Protein backbone atom coordinates (compact mmCIF):
# COMPACT_ATOMS: atom_id res chain seq x y z
CA UNK A 1 0.00 0.00 0.00
CA UNK A 2 1.33 3.40 -1.00
CA UNK A 3 1.52 6.51 1.18
CA UNK A 4 -1.40 8.79 1.96
CA UNK A 5 -1.20 12.12 0.14
CA UNK A 6 -1.81 15.32 2.14
CA UNK A 7 -2.32 18.36 -0.09
CA UNK A 8 -1.95 21.90 1.28
CA UNK A 9 -1.58 25.29 -0.31
CA UNK A 10 -2.67 28.15 1.94
CA UNK A 11 -2.03 29.43 5.46
CA UNK A 12 -4.84 27.67 7.38
CA UNK A 13 -4.16 24.36 5.63
CA UNK A 14 -0.58 24.15 6.86
CA UNK A 15 -1.86 24.29 10.42
CA UNK A 16 -4.54 21.63 9.86
CA UNK A 17 -2.13 19.36 8.03
CA UNK A 18 0.41 19.61 10.87
CA UNK A 19 -2.10 17.91 13.16
CA UNK A 20 -3.41 15.26 10.79
CA UNK A 21 -0.03 14.25 9.36
CA UNK A 22 1.51 13.88 12.80
CA UNK A 23 -1.30 11.59 13.95
CA UNK A 24 -1.17 9.50 10.77
CA UNK A 25 2.58 8.96 11.19
CA UNK A 26 2.02 8.02 14.83
CA UNK A 27 -0.10 5.12 13.52
CA UNK A 28 2.73 4.02 11.23
CA UNK A 29 1.12 5.40 8.05
CA UNK A 30 3.47 6.95 5.52
CA UNK A 31 2.42 10.44 4.43
CA UNK A 32 3.49 12.39 1.35
CA UNK A 33 2.97 16.12 1.79
CA UNK A 34 2.27 18.13 -1.33
CA UNK A 35 2.49 21.93 -1.19
CA UNK A 36 0.70 23.51 -4.14
CA UNK A 37 2.44 26.84 -3.65
CA UNK A 38 -0.81 28.85 -3.65
CA UNK A 39 0.69 30.83 -0.75
CA UNK A 40 4.38 31.09 -1.45
CA UNK A 41 6.14 33.87 0.47
CA UNK A 42 7.81 32.99 3.78
CA UNK A 43 5.26 34.59 6.12
CA UNK A 44 2.34 32.88 4.36
CA UNK A 45 4.05 29.52 3.81
CA UNK A 46 7.44 28.34 5.11
CA UNK A 47 6.97 29.91 8.53
CA UNK A 48 4.24 27.38 9.28
CA UNK A 49 6.45 24.43 8.42
CA UNK A 50 9.11 25.89 10.71
CA UNK A 51 6.83 26.71 13.65
CA UNK A 52 4.64 23.61 13.65
CA UNK A 53 7.16 20.92 12.84
CA UNK A 54 5.59 19.91 9.54
CA UNK A 55 7.61 17.45 7.49
CA UNK A 56 8.99 19.23 4.41
CA UNK A 57 6.68 18.67 1.42
CA UNK A 58 7.85 16.08 -1.07
CA UNK A 59 6.82 18.33 -3.92
CA UNK A 60 5.99 22.00 -4.39
CA UNK A 61 3.77 22.63 -7.41
CA UNK A 62 4.65 26.36 -7.35
CA UNK A 63 1.16 27.40 -8.44
CA UNK A 64 1.62 30.98 -7.25
CA UNK A 65 -0.81 33.79 -7.94
CA UNK A 66 -3.41 33.94 -10.68
CA UNK A 67 -7.12 33.82 -11.32
CA UNK A 68 -9.27 31.16 -9.72
CA UNK A 69 -9.25 29.21 -12.97
CA UNK A 70 -5.49 29.52 -13.38
CA UNK A 71 -4.73 28.36 -9.86
CA UNK A 72 -7.17 25.44 -10.00
CA UNK A 73 -5.91 24.35 -13.41
CA UNK A 74 -2.29 24.55 -12.27
CA UNK A 75 -3.02 22.32 -9.27
CA UNK A 76 -4.83 19.84 -11.51
CA UNK A 77 -2.04 19.58 -14.07
CA UNK A 78 0.74 19.61 -11.47
CA UNK A 79 -0.78 17.06 -9.12
CA UNK A 80 -2.21 14.57 -11.60
CA UNK A 81 1.11 12.94 -12.65
CA UNK A 82 2.14 12.56 -8.99
CA UNK A 83 -1.14 10.84 -8.18
CA UNK A 84 -0.94 8.61 -11.25
CA UNK A 85 2.56 7.48 -10.31
CA UNK A 86 1.87 6.84 -6.61
CA UNK A 87 -1.80 5.77 -6.70
CA UNK A 88 -2.26 6.64 -2.99
CA UNK A 89 -4.95 4.84 -0.96
CA UNK A 90 -6.30 8.22 0.19
CA UNK A 91 -5.84 11.89 -0.71
CA UNK A 92 -6.49 14.27 2.20
CA UNK A 93 -7.61 17.81 1.36
CA UNK A 94 -8.32 20.67 3.74
CA UNK A 95 -10.69 23.62 3.87
CA UNK A 96 -12.02 25.50 0.88
CA UNK A 97 -9.26 27.00 -1.28
CA UNK A 98 -8.50 26.62 -4.98
CA UNK A 99 -5.84 24.10 -3.93
CA UNK A 100 -8.58 22.07 -2.23
CA UNK A 101 -10.74 22.10 -5.33
CA UNK A 102 -7.88 21.33 -7.73
CA UNK A 103 -6.62 18.40 -5.66
CA UNK A 104 -10.15 17.03 -5.27
CA UNK A 105 -10.82 17.17 -9.01
CA UNK A 106 -7.48 15.54 -9.82
CA UNK A 107 -8.01 12.69 -7.35
CA UNK A 108 -11.66 12.18 -8.28
CA UNK A 109 -10.94 11.83 -11.99
CA UNK A 110 -8.37 9.15 -11.12
CA UNK A 111 -10.95 7.40 -8.90
CA UNK A 112 -8.84 7.78 -5.77
CA UNK A 113 -10.44 8.03 -2.33
CA UNK A 114 -10.66 11.56 -0.97
CA UNK A 115 -10.95 12.68 2.64
CA UNK A 116 -12.08 16.26 3.23
CA UNK A 117 -11.02 17.82 6.53
CA UNK A 118 -13.39 20.63 7.59
CA UNK A 119 -16.33 19.40 5.53
CA UNK A 120 -19.90 20.62 5.70
CA UNK A 121 -19.33 24.33 6.17
CA UNK A 122 -21.84 26.54 4.36
CA UNK A 123 -22.25 30.31 4.13
CA UNK A 124 -25.15 29.80 1.66
CA UNK A 125 -23.75 32.42 -0.71
CA UNK A 126 -22.78 30.60 -3.90
CA UNK A 127 -21.20 33.73 -5.35
CA UNK A 128 -18.34 33.31 -2.86
CA UNK A 129 -15.50 31.23 -4.39
CA UNK A 130 -14.85 29.40 -1.12
CA UNK A 131 -18.48 28.28 -0.98
CA UNK A 132 -18.25 26.88 -4.50
CA UNK A 133 -15.06 25.03 -3.55
CA UNK A 134 -16.67 23.58 -0.39
CA UNK A 135 -19.74 22.26 -2.14
CA UNK A 136 -17.88 20.60 -5.01
CA UNK A 137 -15.25 19.12 -2.68
CA UNK A 138 -17.84 17.67 -0.31
CA UNK A 139 -19.86 16.06 -3.08
CA UNK A 140 -16.79 14.47 -4.69
CA UNK A 141 -15.15 13.30 -1.45
CA UNK A 142 -15.55 9.82 0.02
CA UNK A 143 -14.98 10.75 3.68
CA UNK A 144 -16.30 14.00 5.13
CA UNK A 145 -14.72 15.07 8.42
CA UNK A 146 -17.15 17.56 9.96
CA UNK A 147 -15.92 19.97 12.65
CA UNK A 148 -19.31 20.68 14.24
CA UNK A 149 -22.90 19.51 14.59
CA UNK A 150 -24.01 22.32 12.28
CA UNK A 151 -21.66 21.02 9.58
CA UNK A 152 -23.13 17.52 10.01
CA UNK A 153 -26.63 18.95 9.58
CA UNK A 154 -25.60 20.71 6.37
CA UNK A 155 -24.16 17.51 4.91
CA UNK A 156 -27.22 15.51 5.97
CA UNK A 157 -29.52 17.93 4.14
CA UNK A 158 -27.42 17.41 1.02
CA UNK A 159 -27.73 13.62 1.24
CA UNK A 160 -24.16 13.04 2.41
CA UNK A 161 -24.78 11.70 5.91
CA UNK A 162 -23.39 8.22 5.18
CA UNK A 163 -20.00 9.69 4.27
CA UNK A 164 -19.85 12.01 7.28
CA UNK A 165 -17.92 11.67 10.55
CA UNK A 166 -18.18 14.25 13.33
CA UNK A 167 -14.59 14.60 14.57
CA UNK A 168 -14.27 18.18 15.83
CA UNK A 169 -12.00 20.91 14.56
CA UNK A 170 -8.29 20.25 14.06
CA UNK A 171 -7.65 23.95 14.57
CA UNK A 172 -8.77 23.56 18.17
CA UNK A 173 -6.08 20.90 18.63
CA UNK A 174 -3.39 23.31 17.49
CA UNK A 175 -4.80 26.35 19.25
CA UNK A 176 -4.78 24.56 22.60
CA UNK A 177 -1.19 23.45 22.03
CA UNK A 178 0.06 26.87 20.97
CA UNK A 179 -1.74 28.74 23.78
CA UNK A 180 0.58 26.99 26.21
CA UNK A 181 3.68 27.97 24.26
CA UNK A 182 3.20 31.70 23.71
CA UNK A 183 3.59 34.82 25.85
CA UNK A 184 0.78 37.30 24.99
CA UNK A 185 2.37 40.12 27.01
CA UNK A 186 5.71 39.75 25.22
CA UNK A 187 3.98 39.60 21.83
CA UNK A 188 2.02 42.77 22.53
CA UNK A 189 5.17 44.55 23.67
CA UNK A 190 7.03 43.43 20.54
CA UNK A 191 4.39 45.08 18.36
CA UNK A 192 4.17 48.25 20.43
CA UNK A 193 0.72 47.70 21.94
CA UNK A 194 -0.63 46.95 25.42
CA UNK A 195 -2.41 43.80 26.57
CA UNK A 196 -6.17 44.32 26.20
CA UNK A 197 -5.39 47.77 24.85
CA UNK A 198 -5.62 47.17 21.10
CA UNK A 199 -7.75 45.70 18.33
CA UNK A 200 -6.29 42.95 16.13
CA UNK A 201 -7.61 43.07 12.56
CA UNK A 202 -7.12 41.01 9.39
CA UNK A 203 -8.43 41.64 5.86
CA UNK A 204 -7.66 39.25 3.04
CA UNK A 205 -10.77 38.10 1.14
CA UNK A 206 -11.01 39.20 -2.47
CA UNK A 207 -14.44 40.76 -1.92
CA UNK A 208 -12.88 43.16 0.59
CA UNK A 209 -9.51 43.77 -1.06
CA UNK A 210 -10.21 43.86 -4.81
CA UNK A 211 -12.64 46.79 -4.60
CA UNK A 212 -10.61 49.85 -3.59
CA UNK A 213 -13.65 51.78 -2.40
CA UNK A 214 -14.80 48.92 -0.17
CA UNK A 215 -11.29 48.39 1.20
CA UNK A 216 -10.91 52.07 2.04
CA UNK A 217 -14.36 52.10 3.69
CA UNK A 218 -13.39 49.15 5.86
CA UNK A 219 -10.12 50.75 6.91
CA UNK A 220 -11.83 54.05 7.76
CA UNK A 221 -14.43 52.21 9.85
CA UNK A 222 -11.88 50.08 11.70
CA UNK A 223 -9.78 53.18 12.27
CA UNK A 224 -12.62 54.72 14.29
CA UNK A 225 -11.94 52.27 17.12
CA UNK A 226 -11.32 53.84 20.54
CA UNK A 227 -8.24 51.60 20.74
CA UNK A 228 -5.25 51.41 18.40
CA UNK A 229 -5.52 48.76 15.67
CA UNK A 230 -2.83 46.27 14.68
CA UNK A 231 -3.40 45.13 11.09
CA UNK A 232 -1.25 42.38 9.52
CA UNK A 233 -1.70 42.74 5.76
CA UNK A 234 -0.72 40.42 2.94
CA UNK A 235 1.75 42.07 0.50
CA UNK A 236 -0.83 41.91 -2.31
CA UNK A 237 -3.33 43.85 -0.20
CA UNK A 238 -0.71 46.46 0.67
CA UNK A 239 -0.02 46.87 -3.05
CA UNK A 240 -3.72 47.46 -3.70
CA UNK A 241 -3.75 50.43 -1.32
CA UNK A 242 -2.00 52.29 -4.16
CA UNK A 243 -1.08 55.44 -2.29
CA UNK A 244 -4.11 55.46 0.02
CA UNK A 245 -3.22 56.85 3.44
CA UNK A 246 -4.16 54.33 6.12
CA UNK A 247 -5.77 56.02 9.16
CA UNK A 248 -3.20 56.99 11.79
CA UNK A 249 -4.98 54.81 14.34
CA UNK A 250 -4.04 51.68 12.34
CA UNK A 251 -0.57 50.13 12.43
CA UNK A 252 0.04 47.95 9.36
CA UNK A 253 2.49 45.07 9.86
CA UNK A 254 3.61 42.06 7.81
CA UNK A 255 1.63 38.79 7.95
CA UNK A 256 2.07 36.91 11.23
CA UNK A 257 3.26 33.41 11.95
CA UNK A 258 0.69 31.22 13.67
CA UNK A 259 2.28 31.52 17.12
CA UNK A 260 2.40 35.30 16.94
CA UNK A 261 -1.20 35.39 15.73
CA UNK A 262 -2.41 33.26 18.65
CA UNK A 263 -0.39 35.32 21.14
CA UNK A 264 -1.82 38.59 19.82
CA UNK A 265 -5.37 37.20 19.76
CA UNK A 266 -4.99 36.33 23.44
CA UNK A 267 -3.61 39.81 24.16
CA UNK A 268 -6.19 41.77 22.17
CA UNK A 269 -9.38 43.46 23.33
CA UNK A 270 -11.25 42.65 20.12
CA UNK A 271 -10.62 40.87 16.82
CA UNK A 272 -11.87 42.21 13.47
CA UNK A 273 -11.56 39.86 10.53
CA UNK A 274 -12.93 38.44 7.29
CA UNK A 275 -11.15 35.13 7.89
CA UNK A 276 -13.07 31.98 8.70
CA UNK A 277 -10.40 30.50 10.93
CA UNK A 278 -9.70 33.67 12.89
CA UNK A 279 -13.37 33.84 13.94
CA UNK A 280 -12.92 30.54 15.79
CA UNK A 281 -9.48 31.48 17.11
CA UNK A 282 -10.99 34.59 18.68
CA UNK A 283 -13.65 32.44 20.38
CA UNK A 284 -11.01 30.07 21.75
CA UNK A 285 -8.99 33.05 22.97
CA UNK A 286 -12.06 34.39 24.79
CA UNK A 287 -12.07 37.58 22.68
CA UNK A 288 -15.15 39.06 20.95
CA UNK A 289 -14.98 39.03 17.15
CA UNK A 290 -16.30 41.43 14.52
CA UNK A 291 -16.61 39.76 11.12
CA UNK A 292 -16.55 42.17 8.18
CA UNK A 293 -18.54 39.86 5.94
CA UNK A 294 -22.23 39.53 5.12
CA UNK A 295 -22.26 35.85 6.04
CA UNK A 296 -20.23 33.26 7.93
CA UNK A 297 -19.85 29.51 7.81
CA UNK A 298 -19.30 29.54 11.60
CA UNK A 299 -22.87 30.48 12.54
CA UNK A 300 -22.51 29.03 16.06
CA UNK A 301 -20.18 31.86 17.05
CA UNK A 302 -22.74 34.48 16.00
CA UNK A 303 -25.65 32.76 17.72
CA UNK A 304 -23.62 32.57 20.94
CA UNK A 305 -23.00 36.33 20.89
CA UNK A 306 -19.22 36.14 20.51
CA UNK A 307 -19.18 37.11 16.83
CA UNK A 308 -20.94 40.01 15.09
CA UNK A 309 -21.52 40.17 11.33
CA UNK A 310 -21.28 43.72 9.99
CA UNK A 311 -20.60 43.47 6.26
CA UNK A 312 -18.87 46.64 5.07
CA UNK A 313 -21.27 48.99 6.88
CA UNK A 314 -19.07 51.60 8.61
CA UNK A 315 -21.55 52.35 11.39
CA UNK A 316 -22.16 48.70 12.23
CA UNK A 317 -18.41 48.05 12.27
CA UNK A 318 -17.66 51.00 14.53
CA UNK A 319 -20.44 50.11 16.97
CA UNK A 320 -19.48 46.42 17.08
CA UNK A 321 -15.80 47.14 17.74
CA UNK A 322 -16.58 49.26 20.78
CA UNK A 323 -19.56 47.23 22.08
CA UNK A 324 -19.39 45.66 25.58
CA UNK A 325 -18.10 42.06 25.52
CA UNK A 326 -20.53 39.18 26.07
CA UNK A 327 -20.63 37.82 29.57
CA UNK A 328 -19.57 34.39 30.72
CA UNK A 329 -17.24 31.83 29.20
CA UNK A 330 -17.20 31.18 25.44
CA UNK A 331 -19.08 27.96 24.61
CA UNK A 332 -17.39 24.99 22.97
CA UNK A 333 -18.78 23.80 19.66
CA UNK A 334 -15.82 22.11 18.04
CA UNK A 335 -14.99 18.83 19.72
CA UNK A 336 -12.62 17.60 22.39
CA UNK A 337 -9.33 18.94 21.05
CA UNK A 338 -8.32 15.57 19.59
CA UNK A 339 -9.75 15.91 16.07
CA UNK A 340 -6.45 15.01 14.42
CA UNK A 341 -6.34 11.70 16.27
CA UNK A 342 -9.96 10.89 15.36
CA UNK A 343 -9.27 11.67 11.68
CA UNK A 344 -6.10 9.57 11.55
CA UNK A 345 -7.80 6.58 13.17
CA UNK A 346 -10.73 6.82 10.74
CA UNK A 347 -8.41 6.96 7.72
CA UNK A 348 -6.39 4.02 9.05
CA UNK A 349 -9.54 1.91 9.27
CA UNK A 350 -10.70 3.05 5.85
CA UNK A 351 -7.48 2.08 4.07
CA UNK A 352 -6.98 -1.07 6.12
CA UNK A 353 -3.72 0.09 7.73
């Protein structure tokens, strides 16, 4: 039996793969890591291999930037010969990126078994590229690893219950580990802010960054916070600012490694983001989140009062950032912190290892 293939390409996937690959190897299963190269600069790629102890990828497809079609096609054409040569018993894909879709299509056309980690998420907006990727990946995959009961319900409604396993969220595994390794006070000091005296913000989705007017509106709204704002920005987003003067209240910094991100989430007073993963990380850090999107796949966080959807409405954003925090302890929706182990054991049974 050949090795299991684990295909990653973007920031959140490196973190998820670190958990799953480690647990698979602990069961004696050989794993071949494939990096598509969708995220390719150090702070969005190699730093995660360094910080989380990921085995170096066997192959880097060097997909790079491009349109959705270009990236997906490059993953397809780059991955197919590797899959044909190795004929792995299972191809593991993660999340909802173009790398996820391309790897799923390549494996499906070769009739290889596919396991989708973080299956069943739905924002119910099919105009969003990530939603398109999720739906296609789930319907082509053979094993659907759902992170929450809501995700299981979504898959059940789509007739996919028999393929579904509720395992929890692998990101919770990593977040719990990293929380014990970081120093929030030192991280805040390193970035020139005070513990519980700043807002941590991230903006990366195309809907928010490709439209200059929308991006400027978001920055102006975030900049109205009563507290200073720390904003890690991807180099492509910085380039799109094109001479726009960021409000003085906002300090733009380079993208963060995962450890620094967790440390600063723990140190912050509030998180503002359009990221799916950061919404959950804020919950686990016990910090209220403001999501600058019109929808979210993590509806539990909104219903619990720890996450507020604002879209790009400046008034709603400003009010949400300065609103009183919810009382009590954040609820737990995402498993027991051992999702990686559950996934590895399920795959081992499936492939007869």
